[in-house]
Amino acid sequence: MSRIDFEEESRMHDFCYNRKGELCCENVPLRKILEKTGTPAYIYSSKTLTDHLAKLQRAFRSVRPLICYSVKANSNLAVLRALVAKGSGLDIVSGGELFRARKVKCQGRKIVYAGVGKKDEEIREAIRARILLFNVESVPELERINALAKKMRKKVNVSLRINPNVDPHTHDYITTGKAETKFGIDFERARAIYLASKTLTHARLTGVHVHIGSQIETGEPFVEAFRKILEFIDEIEAAGMKIRFLNLGGGLGIIYSDEDPQTADEFASKILPLLRKRKFQVIFEPGRFIVGNAGVLAAKILYVKETNVKKFFITDAGMNDLIRPAFYNAYHAIWPVQKRPDARRWVYDVVGPICESGDFFAKDRELPEMRPGECLTIMTAGAYGFTMSSNYNSRGRACEVMVKGSSFRIVRKRETYQDLVRGECV
């Protein structure tokens, strides 16, 4: 069991308690937001979003990187717009994410497109949008992009995603750089593809891409992977290839509990020496690092249940709202919206209303005593929270709120029952 000091954790984001014991996002008490929105509600800090982007921009300024925020982490238009306005590009993995990128007016030259299963129409849409790069995962995909570009009489830039067979020491479900995963191309096959690339008339192999996983807390796996990639580039350039783009992916870990992952500056101190005297356009694809600590999920306690062996907080949010604990057994800190200094502490399971035993947010967690009707917040829920939510048990998805300074705005309305059946017929 891990216990977090509220003030220590708050340094990573803009959620903290005021003198009245009210949890605030920037300068707005969550109580004030929830009085208007109800629960469950995702609440985001605009300042945290842009501050974390700025940390990466500063840390790697010597190589002038193109930072393409990973849309899959949190695709709300207000989130995307806030980042694009600060110079971020976007990393997309579907036609729907390309649609969102265009809605927030992200320039095509700042969009990179990854994913193992791009459909023909998605490829055509991306070509029409004049994106910077396709990150290609297989030979059939490369051939398909070349054929479609030829039919459209366009030439497109392509990076091969190399699978360096490096263990990132993270959860198996978010490990992507080992040989047995579905992602990327091994070095031997990639070498043959690059050396035969002159046969591709409309897909220009101008880049190399690598992404080894997510929530990686140390620099060593990155260094190991990037060294392998740079050695590979040296080899194919010696054979006559010219690489313009080096896409180093994302995966930088953040604080969920009491672990101490590397900062942007610490990460840069390990990676920048590898890039000295290199003239590539360096690309990064951070998602969780930027948005993870920028969001919380607020929920109301419906019941406090006690059995012979357990105490439970039963909340109105469920695994359909935030699936990470059920899916990955992920840890999220839990804070009360209103802190009471006299509250006793007990060990609780924090669970939702879904008809699954896996519907929980915390197990055996020491928390302050709370009453039905009070609200709590599930912290560090900005990444892979709403984007992975569903309508399981015919539950409408939560609303989303963006806070900026002393003001807030609902940036996605709560779904209604009518929303649940839209598109269906009897």
Protein backbone atom coordinates (compact mmCIF):
# COMPACT_ATOMS: atom_id res chain seq x y z
CA MET A 1 0.00 0.00 0.00
CA SER A 2 1.35 3.37 -1.00
CA ARG A 3 0.43 6.70 0.56
CA ILE A 4 0.99 10.03 -1.19
CA ASP A 5 1.62 13.34 0.47
CA PHE A 6 -0.89 15.74 -1.08
CA GLU A 7 1.44 18.75 -1.29
CA GLU A 8 4.38 16.76 -2.67
CA GLU A 9 2.27 15.30 -5.45
CA SER A 10 0.75 18.67 -6.30
CA ARG A 11 4.09 19.94 -7.60
CA MET A 12 3.58 17.85 -10.74
CA HIS A 13 0.37 19.62 -11.70
CA ASP A 14 -2.01 22.46 -10.91
CA PHE A 15 -4.37 20.64 -8.55
CA CYS A 16 -3.90 21.66 -4.91
CA TYR A 17 -5.82 22.52 -1.74
CA ASN A 18 -6.64 26.08 -0.74
CA ARG A 19 -6.78 27.37 2.83
CA LYS A 20 -10.37 26.16 3.19
CA GLY A 21 -9.31 22.61 2.39
CA GLU A 22 -10.97 22.74 -1.04
CA LEU A 23 -9.27 20.95 -3.89
CA CYS A 24 -8.72 23.44 -6.72
CA CYS A 25 -7.77 23.16 -10.35
CA GLU A 26 -5.62 26.21 -10.97
CA ASN A 27 -7.70 28.95 -9.26
CA VAL A 28 -11.08 27.22 -9.37
CA PRO A 29 -12.41 25.01 -6.53
CA LEU A 30 -13.62 21.69 -7.90
CA ARG A 31 -16.72 22.11 -5.74
CA LYS A 32 -17.71 25.10 -7.88
CA ILE A 33 -17.26 23.12 -11.09
CA LEU A 34 -19.17 20.08 -9.84
CA GLU A 35 -22.08 22.21 -8.66
CA LYS A 36 -22.59 23.07 -12.32
CA THR A 37 -21.61 19.82 -14.05
CA GLY A 38 -22.48 17.06 -11.62
CA THR A 39 -20.48 13.83 -11.54
CA PRO A 40 -18.69 11.94 -12.96
CA ALA A 41 -16.66 14.69 -14.59
CA TYR A 42 -13.22 14.90 -16.15
CA ILE A 43 -11.50 18.16 -15.25
CA TYR A 44 -8.38 19.40 -17.06
CA SER A 45 -5.84 22.10 -16.27
CA SER A 46 -4.82 24.14 -19.32
CA LYS A 47 -1.71 25.39 -17.50
CA THR A 48 -0.47 21.88 -16.72
CA LEU A 49 -0.93 20.86 -20.35
CA THR A 50 1.07 23.73 -21.76
CA ASP A 51 3.69 23.68 -18.98
CA HIS A 52 4.54 20.06 -19.68
CA LEU A 53 4.78 20.71 -23.41
CA ALA A 54 7.10 23.65 -22.64
CA LYS A 55 9.32 21.44 -20.45
CA LEU A 56 10.00 19.14 -23.39
CA GLN A 57 10.48 22.03 -25.79
CA ARG A 58 13.08 23.60 -23.46
CA ALA A 59 14.86 20.35 -22.63
CA PHE A 60 15.48 19.51 -26.31
CA ARG A 61 15.77 23.04 -27.71
CA SER A 62 19.34 22.41 -28.90
CA VAL A 63 18.06 19.99 -31.58
CA ARG A 64 14.92 22.03 -32.41
CA PRO A 65 12.57 19.03 -32.26
CA LEU A 66 9.11 18.74 -33.73
CA ILE A 67 6.99 17.63 -30.77
CA CYS A 68 3.88 15.85 -31.99
CA TYR A 69 1.46 15.30 -29.12
CA SER A 70 -0.03 11.79 -29.19
CA VAL A 71 -3.75 12.36 -29.78
CA LYS A 72 -4.77 8.91 -28.51
CA ALA A 73 -3.82 9.92 -24.95
CA ASN A 74 -6.58 12.54 -24.83
CA SER A 75 -8.30 13.68 -28.01
CA ASN A 76 -10.62 16.40 -26.69
CA LEU A 77 -10.59 19.32 -29.11
CA ALA A 78 -9.90 21.83 -26.33
CA VAL A 79 -6.84 19.84 -25.27
CA LEU A 80 -5.58 19.62 -28.85
CA ARG A 81 -6.22 23.28 -29.54
CA ALA A 82 -4.36 24.40 -26.40
CA LEU A 83 -1.28 22.43 -27.47
CA VAL A 84 -1.38 23.32 -31.16
CA ALA A 85 -1.59 26.99 -30.17
CA LYS A 86 1.73 26.54 -28.32
CA GLY A 87 3.49 25.07 -31.35
CA SER A 88 2.79 21.36 -30.92
CA GLY A 89 2.27 19.05 -33.83
CA LEU A 90 0.08 15.94 -33.55
CA ASP A 91 0.74 12.20 -33.70
CA ILE A 92 -2.35 10.43 -35.05
CA VAL A 93 -3.35 6.77 -35.46
CA SER A 94 -6.69 6.93 -37.29
CA GLY A 95 -8.80 8.87 -39.73
CA GLY A 96 -10.88 10.11 -36.82
CA GLU A 97 -7.81 11.57 -35.16
CA LEU A 98 -6.85 13.23 -38.45
CA PHE A 99 -10.35 14.75 -38.54
CA ARG A 100 -9.78 16.12 -35.02
CA ALA A 101 -6.35 17.45 -36.00
CA ARG A 102 -7.86 19.37 -38.88
CA LYS A 103 -10.70 20.70 -36.70
CA VAL A 104 -8.09 22.41 -34.47
CA LYS A 105 -6.23 23.67 -37.56
CA CYS A 106 -3.03 21.70 -37.03
CA GLN A 107 -0.87 22.16 -40.12
CA GLY A 108 -0.32 19.04 -42.20
CA ARG A 109 3.42 19.52 -42.02
CA LYS A 110 3.16 18.98 -38.26
CA ILE A 111 1.19 15.72 -38.41
CA VAL A 112 2.69 12.22 -38.30
CA TYR A 113 0.53 9.14 -38.82
CA ALA A 114 1.27 5.84 -37.03
CA GLY A 115 -0.69 2.61 -36.50
CA VAL A 116 -0.53 -0.93 -37.87
CA GLY A 117 -3.94 -0.96 -39.60
CA LYS A 118 -4.46 2.09 -41.80
CA LYS A 119 -7.43 1.72 -44.16
CA ASP A 120 -7.31 2.91 -47.77
CA GLU A 121 -9.62 5.88 -47.20
CA GLU A 122 -7.64 6.90 -44.12
CA ILE A 123 -4.44 6.86 -46.19
CA ARG A 124 -6.08 8.91 -48.94
CA GLU A 125 -7.39 11.45 -46.40
CA ALA A 126 -3.90 11.82 -44.94
CA ILE A 127 -2.35 12.31 -48.38
CA ARG A 128 -4.93 14.98 -49.17
CA ALA A 129 -4.09 16.67 -45.84
CA ARG A 130 -0.41 16.78 -46.86
CA ILE A 131 0.81 15.27 -43.60
CA LEU A 132 4.52 15.26 -42.87
CA LEU A 133 5.09 11.52 -42.48
CA PHE A 134 3.49 8.10 -42.50
CA ASN A 135 5.05 5.81 -39.88
CA VAL A 136 4.87 2.46 -41.65
CA GLU A 137 4.63 -0.85 -39.77
CA SER A 138 4.82 -3.51 -42.51
CA VAL A 139 5.77 -4.22 -46.12
CA PRO A 140 2.14 -4.59 -47.30
CA GLU A 141 1.29 -1.22 -45.75
CA LEU A 142 4.27 0.44 -47.46
CA GLU A 143 3.25 -1.02 -50.82
CA ARG A 144 -0.35 0.11 -50.29
CA ILE A 145 0.66 3.69 -49.45
CA ASN A 146 2.88 3.80 -52.53
CA ALA A 147 0.06 2.51 -54.78
CA LEU A 148 -2.54 4.92 -53.42
CA ALA A 149 -0.14 7.89 -53.65
CA LYS A 150 0.63 6.91 -57.25
CA LYS A 151 -3.08 6.88 -58.14
CA MET A 152 -3.43 10.33 -56.57
CA ARG A 153 -0.28 11.56 -58.34
CA LYS A 154 1.29 12.57 -55.04
CA LYS A 155 4.60 11.79 -53.40
CA VAL A 156 4.64 11.17 -49.66
CA ASN A 157 7.29 10.88 -46.97
CA VAL A 158 7.51 7.60 -45.11
CA SER A 159 9.34 6.43 -42.00
CA LEU A 160 9.76 2.75 -41.28
CA ARG A 161 8.96 1.90 -37.69
CA ILE A 162 11.84 -0.24 -36.48
CA ASN A 163 11.27 -2.81 -33.75
CA PRO A 164 14.60 -2.80 -31.87
CA ASN A 165 13.71 -5.75 -29.59
CA VAL A 166 14.31 -3.76 -26.39
CA ASP A 167 12.51 -4.50 -23.12
CA PRO A 168 11.18 -1.17 -21.72
CA HIS A 169 10.29 -2.75 -18.34
CA THR A 170 6.69 -1.56 -18.37
CA HIS A 171 3.31 -3.32 -18.48
CA ASP A 172 3.07 -6.02 -21.17
CA TYR A 173 0.02 -4.35 -22.72
CA ILE A 174 1.93 -1.11 -23.38
CA THR A 175 5.23 -2.72 -24.44
CA THR A 176 5.68 -2.17 -28.18
CA GLY A 177 9.40 -2.55 -28.94
CA LYS A 178 9.95 -6.27 -28.30
CA ALA A 179 10.21 -8.78 -31.12
CA GLU A 180 6.99 -10.62 -30.24
CA THR A 181 4.70 -7.56 -30.46
CA LYS A 182 2.66 -6.62 -33.55
CA PHE A 183 4.52 -3.33 -33.96
CA GLY A 184 7.34 -2.37 -36.28
CA ILE A 185 9.80 -4.14 -38.55
CA ASP A 186 12.96 -5.99 -37.53
CA PHE A 187 16.37 -4.63 -38.51
CA GLU A 188 17.14 -7.26 -41.15
CA ARG A 189 13.88 -6.77 -43.02
CA ALA A 190 14.06 -3.00 -42.66
CA ARG A 191 17.57 -2.96 -44.12
CA ALA A 192 16.34 -4.81 -47.22
CA ILE A 193 13.39 -2.44 -47.59
CA TYR A 194 15.55 0.69 -47.43
CA LEU A 195 18.10 -0.67 -49.88
CA ALA A 196 15.35 -1.58 -52.36
CA SER A 197 13.42 1.65 -51.87
CA LYS A 198 14.23 3.02 -55.33
CA THR A 199 11.48 0.76 -56.65
CA LEU A 200 8.94 2.85 -54.71
CA THR A 201 7.95 5.64 -57.05
CA HIS A 202 5.66 7.62 -54.76
CA ALA A 203 6.56 6.66 -51.17
CA ARG A 204 9.84 8.32 -50.27
CA LEU A 205 11.67 6.48 -47.48
CA THR A 206 13.09 9.53 -45.77
CA GLY A 207 12.73 8.64 -42.07
CA VAL A 208 13.19 6.14 -39.29
CA HIS A 209 10.70 5.70 -36.46
CA VAL A 210 10.98 3.88 -33.14
CA HIS A 211 8.57 3.63 -30.21
CA ILE A 212 9.27 1.01 -27.54
CA GLY A 213 6.35 1.43 -25.14
CA SER A 214 4.55 3.65 -22.66
CA GLN A 215 5.02 4.73 -19.02
CA ILE A 216 8.78 4.03 -19.14
CA GLU A 217 10.33 5.37 -15.95
CA THR A 218 14.07 5.23 -16.67
CA GLY A 219 16.25 6.37 -19.55
CA GLU A 220 18.16 3.13 -20.10
CA PRO A 221 15.67 1.40 -22.43
CA PHE A 222 15.47 4.55 -24.56
CA VAL A 223 19.25 4.84 -24.77
CA GLU A 224 19.60 1.17 -25.72
CA ALA A 225 16.95 1.46 -28.44
CA PHE A 226 18.18 4.78 -29.84
CA ARG A 227 21.79 3.56 -30.05
CA LYS A 228 20.64 0.59 -32.08
CA ILE A 229 18.60 2.86 -34.35
CA LEU A 230 21.50 5.27 -34.93
CA GLU A 231 23.86 2.40 -35.76
CA PHE A 232 21.28 1.15 -38.24
CA ILE A 233 20.98 4.60 -39.83
CA ASP A 234 24.76 4.84 -40.18
CA GLU A 235 24.76 1.51 -41.97
CA ILE A 236 22.04 2.32 -44.50
CA GLU A 237 23.38 5.83 -45.12
CA ALA A 238 26.77 4.32 -45.88
CA ALA A 239 24.95 2.24 -48.50
CA GLY A 240 23.56 5.37 -50.16
CA MET A 241 20.33 6.16 -48.30
CA LYS A 242 19.60 9.64 -46.93
CA ILE A 243 17.58 9.91 -43.72
CA ARG A 244 15.94 13.28 -43.04
CA PHE A 245 13.58 12.44 -40.17
CA LEU A 246 14.39 10.63 -36.92
CA ASN A 247 11.18 9.97 -35.00
CA LEU A 248 12.02 8.82 -31.46
CA GLY A 249 8.42 8.21 -30.39
CA GLY A 250 7.11 8.78 -26.89
CA GLY A 251 6.70 6.72 -23.73
CA LEU A 252 8.21 8.99 -21.07
CA GLY A 253 6.71 7.97 -17.72
CA ILE A 254 4.90 10.15 -15.18
CA ILE A 255 4.08 10.03 -11.47
CA TYR A 256 1.06 7.91 -10.56
CA SER A 257 2.02 6.81 -7.05
CA ASP A 258 5.33 7.27 -5.25
CA GLU A 259 7.66 6.26 -8.07
CA ASP A 260 10.14 8.85 -9.26
CA PRO A 261 10.35 8.76 -13.07
CA GLN A 262 12.77 10.96 -14.93
CA THR A 263 12.05 14.58 -15.70
CA ALA A 264 12.22 16.07 -19.19
CA ASP A 265 15.65 17.54 -18.38
CA GLU A 266 16.95 14.20 -17.08
CA PHE A 267 15.63 12.43 -20.16
CA ALA A 268 17.24 15.01 -22.44
CA SER A 269 20.60 14.70 -20.63
CA LYS A 270 20.70 11.02 -21.63
CA ILE A 271 19.39 11.39 -25.17
CA LEU A 272 21.00 14.58 -26.46
CA PRO A 273 24.59 13.21 -26.39
CA LEU A 274 23.45 10.55 -28.88
CA LEU A 275 22.24 13.23 -31.28
CA ARG A 276 25.34 15.42 -31.38
CA LYS A 277 26.58 16.19 -34.89
CA ARG A 278 23.42 14.65 -36.34
CA LYS A 279 21.37 16.70 -38.79
CA PHE A 280 18.04 14.92 -38.68
CA GLN A 281 14.71 16.60 -38.04
CA VAL A 282 14.11 15.02 -34.62
CA ILE A 283 10.49 14.18 -33.79
CA PHE A 284 9.01 13.19 -30.42
CA GLU A 285 5.51 11.80 -29.80
CA PRO A 286 4.70 12.41 -26.11
CA GLY A 287 1.17 11.83 -24.87
CA ARG A 288 0.94 10.77 -21.25
CA PHE A 289 3.84 13.03 -20.20
CA ILE A 290 1.91 16.08 -21.37
CA VAL A 291 -1.67 15.27 -20.43
CA GLY A 292 -1.57 12.59 -17.71
CA ASN A 293 -1.16 14.87 -14.70
CA ALA A 294 -3.30 17.56 -16.32
CA GLY A 295 -6.59 15.79 -15.62
CA VAL A 296 -8.65 14.21 -12.84
CA LEU A 297 -11.90 12.26 -12.73
CA ALA A 298 -14.29 13.55 -10.07
CA ALA A 299 -16.92 11.19 -8.66
CA LYS A 300 -19.57 11.24 -5.93
CA ILE A 301 -19.74 8.67 -3.15
CA LEU A 302 -23.14 7.02 -3.37
CA TYR A 303 -22.79 4.58 -0.49
CA VAL A 304 -20.29 3.59 2.18
CA LYS A 305 -20.57 -0.16 2.53
CA GLU A 306 -19.02 -2.28 5.26
CA THR A 307 -18.77 -6.07 5.29
CA ASN A 308 -17.06 -8.46 7.67
CA VAL A 309 -13.80 -8.06 5.73
CA LYS A 310 -13.95 -4.78 3.79
CA LYS A 311 -15.02 -1.16 3.72
CA PHE A 312 -16.12 0.22 0.34
CA PHE A 313 -16.65 3.63 -1.15
CA ILE A 314 -19.21 3.00 -3.91
CA THR A 315 -19.02 5.88 -6.40
CA ASP A 316 -21.06 7.03 -9.39
CA ALA A 317 -18.04 6.63 -11.69
CA GLY A 318 -17.14 3.19 -12.99
CA MET A 319 -14.74 1.24 -15.13
CA ASN A 320 -16.65 2.50 -18.17
CA ASP A 321 -15.37 5.99 -17.24
CA LEU A 322 -11.80 5.03 -16.36
CA ILE A 323 -10.73 1.53 -17.28
CA ARG A 324 -7.02 1.72 -16.43
CA PRO A 325 -7.24 0.11 -12.94
CA ALA A 326 -9.35 -2.77 -14.27
CA PHE A 327 -7.34 -3.16 -17.49
CA TYR A 328 -3.76 -2.63 -16.29
CA ASN A 329 -4.21 -2.88 -12.50
CA ALA A 330 -3.00 0.74 -12.67
CA TYR A 331 -2.55 2.88 -9.57
CA HIS A 332 -4.26 6.27 -9.28
CA ALA A 333 -4.00 8.47 -6.21
CA ILE A 334 -7.39 9.42 -4.73
CA TRP A 335 -8.02 12.76 -3.02
CA PRO A 336 -11.16 14.15 -1.38
CA VAL A 337 -12.65 17.23 -3.02
CA GLN A 338 -13.08 18.70 0.47
CA LYS A 339 -10.30 17.87 2.92
CA ARG A 340 -11.40 17.56 6.57
CA PRO A 341 -8.52 17.78 9.07
CA ASP A 342 -10.46 15.79 11.68
CA ALA A 343 -11.30 12.89 9.35
CA ARG A 344 -10.15 9.49 10.55
CA ARG A 345 -8.36 7.23 8.08
CA TRP A 346 -9.47 3.72 7.19
CA VAL A 347 -8.62 1.16 4.54
CA TYR A 348 -11.16 1.12 1.70
CA ASP A 349 -11.80 -0.36 -1.70
CA VAL A 350 -13.01 2.40 -4.05
CA VAL A 351 -15.41 0.85 -6.53
CA GLY A 352 -18.04 1.78 -9.09
CA PRO A 353 -21.56 0.65 -9.98
CA ILE A 354 -20.66 -1.62 -12.91
CA CYS A 355 -21.67 -5.30 -12.72
CA GLU A 356 -18.08 -6.58 -12.78
CA SER A 357 -15.75 -7.47 -9.91
CA GLY A 358 -13.05 -5.70 -11.89
CA ASP A 359 -14.89 -2.40 -11.49
CA PHE A 360 -12.57 -0.70 -9.02
CA PHE A 361 -10.33 2.34 -8.77
CA ALA A 362 -8.37 1.32 -5.67
CA LYS A 363 -8.08 -1.69 -3.40
CA ASP A 364 -6.97 -1.74 0.23
CA ARG A 365 -6.21 1.97 0.10
CA GLU A 366 -5.81 4.06 3.26
CA LEU A 367 -8.05 7.09 2.78
CA PRO A 368 -9.77 9.71 4.93
CA GLU A 369 -13.25 8.82 6.13
CA MET A 370 -15.92 10.26 3.80
CA ARG A 371 -19.71 10.34 3.76
CA PRO A 372 -22.28 9.59 1.05
CA GLY A 373 -22.79 12.67 -1.10
CA GLU A 374 -19.17 13.84 -0.75
CA CYS A 375 -16.94 13.83 -3.80
CA LEU A 376 -13.50 12.42 -4.45
CA THR A 377 -11.05 12.78 -7.29
CA ILE A 378 -9.13 10.06 -9.10
CA MET A 379 -5.86 11.78 -9.89
CA THR A 380 -3.60 11.60 -12.95
CA ALA A 381 -6.55 10.68 -15.16
CA GLY A 382 -5.82 13.03 -18.06
CA ALA A 383 -4.25 10.33 -20.24
CA TYR A 384 -6.10 7.24 -21.44
CA GLY A 385 -9.11 8.19 -19.33
CA PHE A 386 -11.97 9.60 -21.35
CA THR A 387 -10.46 8.32 -24.62
CA MET A 388 -10.80 4.72 -23.39
CA SER A 389 -14.23 5.20 -21.82
CA SER A 390 -17.33 3.36 -23.05
CA ASN A 391 -21.08 3.02 -22.69
CA TYR A 392 -20.89 -0.35 -20.92
CA ASN A 393 -24.00 -1.03 -18.82
CA SER A 394 -25.68 1.65 -21.01
CA ARG A 395 -24.03 4.41 -19.03
CA GLY A 396 -23.52 7.80 -20.63
CA ARG A 397 -19.96 9.03 -20.78
CA ALA A 398 -18.81 11.79 -18.43
CA CYS A 399 -18.58 15.46 -19.28
CA GLU A 400 -15.19 17.12 -19.76
CA VAL A 401 -14.20 20.50 -18.35
CA MET A 402 -11.23 22.73 -19.14
CA VAL A 403 -9.96 25.16 -16.50
CA LYS A 404 -7.86 28.18 -17.37
CA GLY A 405 -6.84 30.43 -14.49
CA SER A 406 -9.99 31.50 -12.65
CA SER A 407 -12.49 30.33 -15.26
CA PHE A 408 -13.73 27.01 -16.55
CA ARG A 409 -15.74 25.75 -19.50
CA ILE A 410 -17.53 22.49 -20.31
CA VAL A 411 -15.69 21.25 -23.41
CA ARG A 412 -17.74 18.08 -23.84
CA LYS A 413 -21.32 17.69 -22.65
CA ARG A 414 -22.39 14.71 -20.56
CA GLU A 415 -24.07 12.05 -22.70
CA THR A 416 -27.81 11.59 -22.33
CA TYR A 417 -29.96 8.46 -22.67
CA GLN A 418 -30.90 9.68 -26.13
CA ASP A 419 -27.22 9.80 -27.05
CA LEU A 420 -26.97 6.11 -26.11
CA VAL A 421 -29.47 5.00 -28.75
CA ARG A 422 -28.63 7.51 -31.50
CA GLY A 423 -28.14 5.58 -34.71
CA GLU A 424 -30.03 2.51 -33.48
CA CYS A 425 -33.42 1.36 -34.75
CA VAL A 426 -36.04 -1.15 -33.64
